[in-house]
Amino acid sequence: MQKGRPKGGKNKYWSVEEKYKIIKPILDYELSSREVTRRTGINNGMLSTWVQKYKEHGMEGLKNKTKPGNPLAKIYSKKNFKNREEELEYENMKLRIENERLKKGYLVKGDGSIVVFKK
C-alpha cells in the first residue's frame, strides 16, 4: 500500500457522508482507529480529528473548510479592464498585498515575482 499521495497528485477529497461512513465503526466501538487506518489507508491522526470534530459538532463538524482563493484571480484574468474603476480596484489590491508583505518583513522586487525576506 502506498503512503500519502503520489508525487504531483492532488489531495483526496472526502464528502461529509464518506467521512461519517469511515468513522462510524470507531464511533460504534466496532473497530479501533488503528484497524480503520489499516483498512482505509487514512492517517490515524486524520481519523482522530474527524472523530473529535464529529463528537463536538455532529455532521456539521465533518464539512470541509472552504478556501478563500486568490482575490486577484477574478480581476487579473481580465486582460483588458472594462473601465477605470476595475483598473483602480486591481491596483489597490496589489498595493494592499505589497503593504502586508512589507509589514511581515518581505521586500518585493520588480513586478512582484521576486520576494526577499529582509533581516
N, C-alpha and C. Protein backbone atom coordinates (compact mmCIF):
# COMPACT_ATOMS: atom_id res chain seq x y z
N MET A 1 0.85 -1.18 0.00
CA MET A 1 0.00 0.00 0.00
C MET A 1 0.89 1.24 0.00
N GLN A 2 0.56 2.18 -0.86
CA GLN A 2 1.33 3.42 -0.96
C GLN A 2 0.90 4.39 0.13
N LYS A 3 1.88 5.03 0.74
CA LYS A 3 1.57 6.01 1.78
C LYS A 3 1.52 7.39 1.14
N GLY A 4 0.56 8.18 1.56
CA GLY A 4 0.44 9.54 1.05
C GLY A 4 -0.03 9.58 -0.39
N ARG A 5 -0.02 10.76 -0.94
CA ARG A 5 -0.46 10.91 -2.32
C ARG A 5 0.72 10.73 -3.26
N PRO A 6 0.46 10.35 -4.51
CA PRO A 6 1.55 10.22 -5.46
C PRO A 6 2.16 11.59 -5.76
N LYS A 7 3.43 11.61 -6.08
CA LYS A 7 4.11 12.87 -6.33
C LYS A 7 3.39 13.63 -7.44
N GLY A 8 3.08 14.88 -7.15
CA GLY A 8 2.37 15.71 -8.13
C GLY A 8 0.87 15.47 -8.13
N GLY A 9 0.40 14.54 -7.29
CA GLY A 9 -1.02 14.23 -7.24
C GLY A 9 -1.79 15.24 -6.42
N LYS A 10 -3.09 15.13 -6.47
CA LYS A 10 -3.95 16.04 -5.72
C LYS A 10 -4.36 15.40 -4.40
N ASN A 11 -4.69 16.24 -3.43
CA ASN A 11 -5.19 15.74 -2.16
C ASN A 11 -6.53 15.05 -2.36
N LYS A 12 -6.78 14.01 -1.58
CA LYS A 12 -8.05 13.29 -1.65
C LYS A 12 -9.14 14.13 -1.02
N TYR A 13 -10.29 14.13 -1.62
CA TYR A 13 -11.44 14.86 -1.09
C TYR A 13 -12.47 13.85 -0.61
N TRP A 14 -12.92 14.01 0.63
CA TRP A 14 -13.97 13.15 1.18
C TRP A 14 -15.19 14.01 1.46
N SER A 15 -16.34 13.53 1.07
CA SER A 15 -17.58 14.22 1.39
C SER A 15 -17.91 13.96 2.86
N VAL A 16 -18.87 14.71 3.39
CA VAL A 16 -19.30 14.53 4.77
C VAL A 16 -19.80 13.10 4.98
N GLU A 17 -20.56 12.59 4.03
CA GLU A 17 -21.11 11.24 4.13
C GLU A 17 -20.01 10.19 4.14
N GLU A 18 -18.99 10.37 3.27
CA GLU A 18 -17.88 9.42 3.22
C GLU A 18 -17.10 9.41 4.54
N LYS A 19 -16.85 10.60 5.07
CA LYS A 19 -16.14 10.69 6.35
C LYS A 19 -16.92 9.97 7.44
N TYR A 20 -18.22 10.21 7.49
CA TYR A 20 -19.05 9.57 8.52
C TYR A 20 -19.03 8.05 8.36
N LYS A 21 -19.14 7.58 7.13
CA LYS A 21 -19.13 6.14 6.87
C LYS A 21 -17.80 5.52 7.33
N ILE A 22 -16.70 6.26 7.16
CA ILE A 22 -15.38 5.76 7.56
C ILE A 22 -15.24 5.72 9.08
N ILE A 23 -15.72 6.76 9.78
CA ILE A 23 -15.52 6.81 11.24
C ILE A 23 -16.63 6.12 12.04
N LYS A 24 -17.73 5.74 11.40
CA LYS A 24 -18.84 5.11 12.11
C LYS A 24 -18.42 3.88 12.91
N PRO A 25 -17.59 2.96 12.35
CA PRO A 25 -17.16 1.81 13.15
C PRO A 25 -16.37 2.21 14.40
N ILE A 26 -15.66 3.32 14.34
CA ILE A 26 -14.92 3.80 15.51
C ILE A 26 -15.91 4.33 16.55
N LEU A 27 -16.89 5.10 16.08
CA LEU A 27 -17.89 5.68 16.98
C LEU A 27 -18.74 4.61 17.66
N ASP A 28 -19.02 3.53 16.92
CA ASP A 28 -19.85 2.45 17.46
C ASP A 28 -19.01 1.40 18.21
N TYR A 29 -17.73 1.67 18.39
CA TYR A 29 -16.81 0.76 19.08
C TYR A 29 -16.74 -0.62 18.43
N GLU A 30 -16.95 -0.68 17.09
CA GLU A 30 -16.83 -1.93 16.36
C GLU A 30 -15.38 -2.21 15.99
N LEU A 31 -14.66 -1.14 15.63
CA LEU A 31 -13.25 -1.26 15.24
C LEU A 31 -12.43 -0.17 15.92
N SER A 32 -11.15 -0.44 16.10
CA SER A 32 -10.27 0.58 16.65
C SER A 32 -9.86 1.51 15.50
N SER A 33 -9.39 2.69 15.86
CA SER A 33 -8.95 3.62 14.82
C SER A 33 -7.76 3.05 14.07
N ARG A 34 -6.94 2.27 14.76
CA ARG A 34 -5.79 1.64 14.10
C ARG A 34 -6.25 0.65 13.03
N GLU A 35 -7.29 -0.11 13.33
CA GLU A 35 -7.82 -1.07 12.36
C GLU A 35 -8.43 -0.34 11.16
N VAL A 36 -9.14 0.74 11.41
CA VAL A 36 -9.73 1.53 10.31
C VAL A 36 -8.60 2.13 9.47
N THR A 37 -7.51 2.55 10.12
CA THR A 37 -6.36 3.08 9.39
C THR A 37 -5.79 2.02 8.47
N ARG A 38 -5.64 0.80 8.98
CA ARG A 38 -5.11 -0.30 8.15
C ARG A 38 -6.01 -0.59 6.95
N ARG A 39 -7.31 -0.58 7.18
CA ARG A 39 -8.25 -0.92 6.10
C ARG A 39 -8.39 0.18 5.05
N THR A 40 -8.33 1.43 5.49
CA THR A 40 -8.59 2.54 4.56
C THR A 40 -7.33 3.22 4.05
N GLY A 41 -6.23 3.13 4.82
CA GLY A 41 -5.01 3.82 4.43
C GLY A 41 -5.03 5.29 4.82
N ILE A 42 -6.04 5.69 5.58
CA ILE A 42 -6.14 7.08 6.02
C ILE A 42 -5.35 7.23 7.32
N ASN A 43 -4.58 8.29 7.42
CA ASN A 43 -3.75 8.56 8.58
C ASN A 43 -4.58 8.54 9.86
N ASN A 44 -4.02 7.92 10.90
CA ASN A 44 -4.72 7.81 12.18
C ASN A 44 -5.02 9.19 12.78
N GLY A 45 -4.11 10.13 12.60
CA GLY A 45 -4.32 11.49 13.10
C GLY A 45 -5.53 12.15 12.45
N MET A 46 -5.69 11.91 11.14
CA MET A 46 -6.83 12.48 10.44
C MET A 46 -8.13 11.85 10.94
N LEU A 47 -8.12 10.55 11.14
CA LEU A 47 -9.31 9.87 11.67
C LEU A 47 -9.67 10.43 13.04
N SER A 48 -8.66 10.61 13.89
CA SER A 48 -8.91 11.15 15.23
C SER A 48 -9.52 12.54 15.16
N THR A 49 -9.02 13.34 14.22
CA THR A 49 -9.56 14.69 14.05
C THR A 49 -11.02 14.63 13.62
N TRP A 50 -11.33 13.75 12.67
CA TRP A 50 -12.71 13.61 12.20
C TRP A 50 -13.62 13.18 13.35
N VAL A 51 -13.17 12.21 14.15
CA VAL A 51 -13.97 11.71 15.28
C VAL A 51 -14.21 12.84 16.27
N GLN A 52 -13.15 13.57 16.60
CA GLN A 52 -13.27 14.67 17.56
C GLN A 52 -14.24 15.74 17.06
N LYS A 53 -14.10 16.12 15.78
CA LYS A 53 -14.99 17.14 15.21
C LYS A 53 -16.43 16.66 15.18
N TYR A 54 -16.62 15.36 14.88
CA TYR A 54 -17.97 14.81 14.87
C TYR A 54 -18.59 14.84 16.27
N LYS A 55 -17.80 14.48 17.27
CA LYS A 55 -18.31 14.47 18.64
C LYS A 55 -18.65 15.87 19.13
N GLU A 56 -17.90 16.87 18.69
CA GLU A 56 -18.14 18.25 19.11
C GLU A 56 -19.27 18.93 18.34
N HIS A 57 -19.32 18.69 17.02
CA HIS A 57 -20.23 19.46 16.17
C HIS A 57 -21.19 18.62 15.32
N GLY A 58 -21.14 17.31 15.46
CA GLY A 58 -22.00 16.46 14.65
C GLY A 58 -21.57 16.46 13.19
N MET A 59 -22.51 16.22 12.30
CA MET A 59 -22.21 16.16 10.86
C MET A 59 -21.63 17.49 10.36
N GLU A 60 -22.04 18.57 10.98
CA GLU A 60 -21.55 19.90 10.59
C GLU A 60 -20.03 19.98 10.75
N GLY A 61 -19.50 19.30 11.75
CA GLY A 61 -18.06 19.31 12.00
C GLY A 61 -17.24 18.59 10.94
N LEU A 62 -17.90 17.74 10.16
CA LEU A 62 -17.20 16.99 9.12
C LEU A 62 -17.13 17.73 7.79
N LYS A 63 -17.78 18.90 7.72
CA LYS A 63 -17.75 19.67 6.47
C LYS A 63 -16.34 20.18 6.21
N ASN A 64 -15.96 20.20 4.94
CA ASN A 64 -14.66 20.71 4.56
C ASN A 64 -14.64 22.22 4.62
N LYS A 65 -13.49 22.76 4.98
CA LYS A 65 -13.33 24.21 5.01
C LYS A 65 -13.28 24.71 3.57
N THR A 66 -13.87 25.86 3.34
CA THR A 66 -13.76 26.46 2.02
C THR A 66 -12.54 27.35 2.00
N LYS A 67 -11.82 27.31 0.93
CA LYS A 67 -10.61 28.10 0.80
C LYS A 67 -10.97 29.46 0.20
N PRO A 68 -10.34 30.52 0.72
CA PRO A 68 -10.70 31.85 0.23
C PRO A 68 -10.27 32.10 -1.21
N GLY A 69 -9.23 31.46 -1.66
CA GLY A 69 -8.78 31.66 -3.03
C GLY A 69 -8.00 32.95 -3.19
N ASN A 70 -7.60 33.21 -4.39
CA ASN A 70 -6.81 34.39 -4.70
C ASN A 70 -7.74 35.54 -5.05
N PRO A 71 -7.74 36.63 -4.27
CA PRO A 71 -8.64 37.75 -4.55
C PRO A 71 -8.34 38.45 -5.87
N LEU A 72 -7.11 38.30 -6.35
CA LEU A 72 -6.75 38.95 -7.62
C LEU A 72 -7.14 38.13 -8.84
N ALA A 73 -7.45 36.87 -8.65
CA ALA A 73 -7.69 35.98 -9.77
C ALA A 73 -8.81 36.47 -10.68
N LYS A 74 -9.93 36.90 -10.11
CA LYS A 74 -11.05 37.33 -10.95
C LYS A 74 -10.73 38.58 -11.73
N ILE A 75 -9.92 39.45 -11.12
CA ILE A 75 -9.59 40.70 -11.79
C ILE A 75 -8.42 40.50 -12.75
N TYR A 76 -7.43 39.76 -12.30
CA TYR A 76 -6.21 39.60 -13.09
C TYR A 76 -6.47 38.81 -14.37
N SER A 77 -7.47 37.91 -14.34
CA SER A 77 -7.74 37.10 -15.52
C SER A 77 -8.26 37.94 -16.68
N LYS A 78 -8.74 39.14 -16.38
CA LYS A 78 -9.20 40.03 -17.44
C LYS A 78 -8.00 40.80 -17.96
N LYS A 79 -7.70 40.64 -19.23
CA LYS A 79 -6.54 41.32 -19.79
C LYS A 79 -6.82 42.80 -20.01
N ASN A 80 -8.03 43.08 -20.42
CA ASN A 80 -8.41 44.48 -20.62
C ASN A 80 -9.50 44.82 -19.61
N PHE A 81 -9.24 45.86 -18.85
CA PHE A 81 -10.23 46.27 -17.86
C PHE A 81 -11.39 46.95 -18.57
N LYS A 82 -12.59 46.72 -18.07
CA LYS A 82 -13.78 47.31 -18.70
C LYS A 82 -13.84 48.81 -18.48
N ASN A 83 -13.37 49.22 -17.30
CA ASN A 83 -13.43 50.65 -17.01
C ASN A 83 -12.30 51.02 -16.05
N ARG A 84 -12.20 52.27 -15.79
CA ARG A 84 -11.13 52.79 -14.92
C ARG A 84 -11.30 52.26 -13.48
N GLU A 85 -12.54 52.05 -13.08
CA GLU A 85 -12.81 51.57 -11.72
C GLU A 85 -12.18 50.19 -11.49
N GLU A 86 -12.32 49.27 -12.46
CA GLU A 86 -11.72 47.95 -12.33
C GLU A 86 -10.21 48.03 -12.29
N GLU A 87 -9.65 48.90 -13.09
CA GLU A 87 -8.20 49.06 -13.12
C GLU A 87 -7.70 49.58 -11.76
N LEU A 88 -8.41 50.54 -11.18
CA LEU A 88 -8.03 51.08 -9.88
C LEU A 88 -8.22 50.05 -8.76
N GLU A 89 -9.27 49.24 -8.88
CA GLU A 89 -9.51 48.19 -7.90
C GLU A 89 -8.35 47.19 -7.90
N TYR A 90 -7.90 46.83 -9.09
CA TYR A 90 -6.78 45.90 -9.23
C TYR A 90 -5.50 46.52 -8.64
N GLU A 91 -5.23 47.76 -8.97
CA GLU A 91 -4.04 48.44 -8.46
C GLU A 91 -4.08 48.55 -6.94
N ASN A 92 -5.24 48.87 -6.40
CA ASN A 92 -5.43 48.97 -4.95
C ASN A 92 -5.15 47.63 -4.26
N MET A 93 -5.65 46.54 -4.84
CA MET A 93 -5.44 45.21 -4.27
C MET A 93 -3.95 44.87 -4.27
N LYS A 94 -3.26 45.17 -5.35
CA LYS A 94 -1.82 44.90 -5.42
C LYS A 94 -1.07 45.66 -4.33
N LEU A 95 -1.45 46.92 -4.12
CA LEU A 95 -0.78 47.73 -3.10
C LEU A 95 -1.06 47.22 -1.69
N ARG A 96 -2.28 46.73 -1.46
CA ARG A 96 -2.60 46.16 -0.14
C ARG A 96 -1.74 44.93 0.13
N ILE A 97 -1.60 44.09 -0.87
CA ILE A 97 -0.79 42.88 -0.72
C ILE A 97 0.66 43.25 -0.45
N GLU A 98 1.17 44.21 -1.21
CA GLU A 98 2.55 44.66 -1.02
C GLU A 98 2.73 45.22 0.39
N ASN A 99 1.76 45.98 0.86
CA ASN A 99 1.81 46.56 2.20
C ASN A 99 1.87 45.47 3.27
N GLU A 100 1.05 44.43 3.13
CA GLU A 100 1.06 43.32 4.08
C GLU A 100 2.39 42.59 4.07
N ARG A 101 2.95 42.41 2.89
CA ARG A 101 4.26 41.75 2.80
C ARG A 101 5.33 42.58 3.50
N LEU A 102 5.29 43.88 3.31
CA LEU A 102 6.28 44.75 3.95
C LEU A 102 6.14 44.72 5.47
N LYS A 103 4.90 44.64 5.96
CA LYS A 103 4.68 44.55 7.41
C LYS A 103 5.32 43.29 7.97
N LYS A 104 5.31 42.22 7.19
CA LYS A 104 5.87 40.95 7.65
C LYS A 104 7.37 40.85 7.39
N GLY A 105 7.94 41.86 6.76
CA GLY A 105 9.38 41.86 6.55
C GLY A 105 9.83 41.35 5.21
N TYR A 106 8.94 41.31 4.24
CA TYR A 106 9.32 40.87 2.90
C TYR A 106 9.55 42.08 2.01
N LEU A 107 10.53 41.98 1.14
CA LEU A 107 10.82 43.04 0.18
C LEU A 107 10.47 42.51 -1.20
N VAL A 108 9.63 43.22 -1.91
CA VAL A 108 9.17 42.80 -3.23
C VAL A 108 9.96 43.57 -4.27
N LYS A 109 10.53 42.84 -5.24
CA LYS A 109 11.32 43.49 -6.28
C LYS A 109 10.63 43.33 -7.63
N GLY A 110 10.80 44.32 -8.46
CA GLY A 110 10.27 44.26 -9.83
C GLY A 110 8.77 44.20 -9.87
N ASP A 111 8.25 43.26 -10.63
CA ASP A 111 6.79 43.13 -10.82
C ASP A 111 6.12 42.36 -9.70
N GLY A 112 6.87 42.00 -8.67
CA GLY A 112 6.29 41.28 -7.54
C GLY A 112 6.57 39.79 -7.58
N SER A 113 7.24 39.33 -8.64
CA SER A 113 7.52 37.91 -8.74
C SER A 113 8.74 37.51 -7.89
N ILE A 114 9.55 38.49 -7.50
CA ILE A 114 10.71 38.23 -6.65
C ILE A 114 10.42 38.77 -5.27
N VAL A 115 10.41 37.90 -4.28
CA VAL A 115 10.13 38.30 -2.90
C VAL A 115 11.32 37.88 -2.05
N VAL A 116 11.91 38.84 -1.33
CA VAL A 116 13.07 38.59 -0.49
C VAL A 116 12.72 38.94 0.94
N PHE A 117 13.12 38.10 1.89
CA PHE A 117 12.87 38.37 3.29
C PHE A 117 13.96 39.28 3.82
N LYS A 118 13.55 40.42 4.41
CA LYS A 118 14.52 41.36 5.00
C LYS A 118 14.89 40.86 6.38
N LYS A 119 16.17 40.94 6.70
CA LYS A 119 16.63 40.51 8.03
C LYS A 119 16.81 41.68 8.94
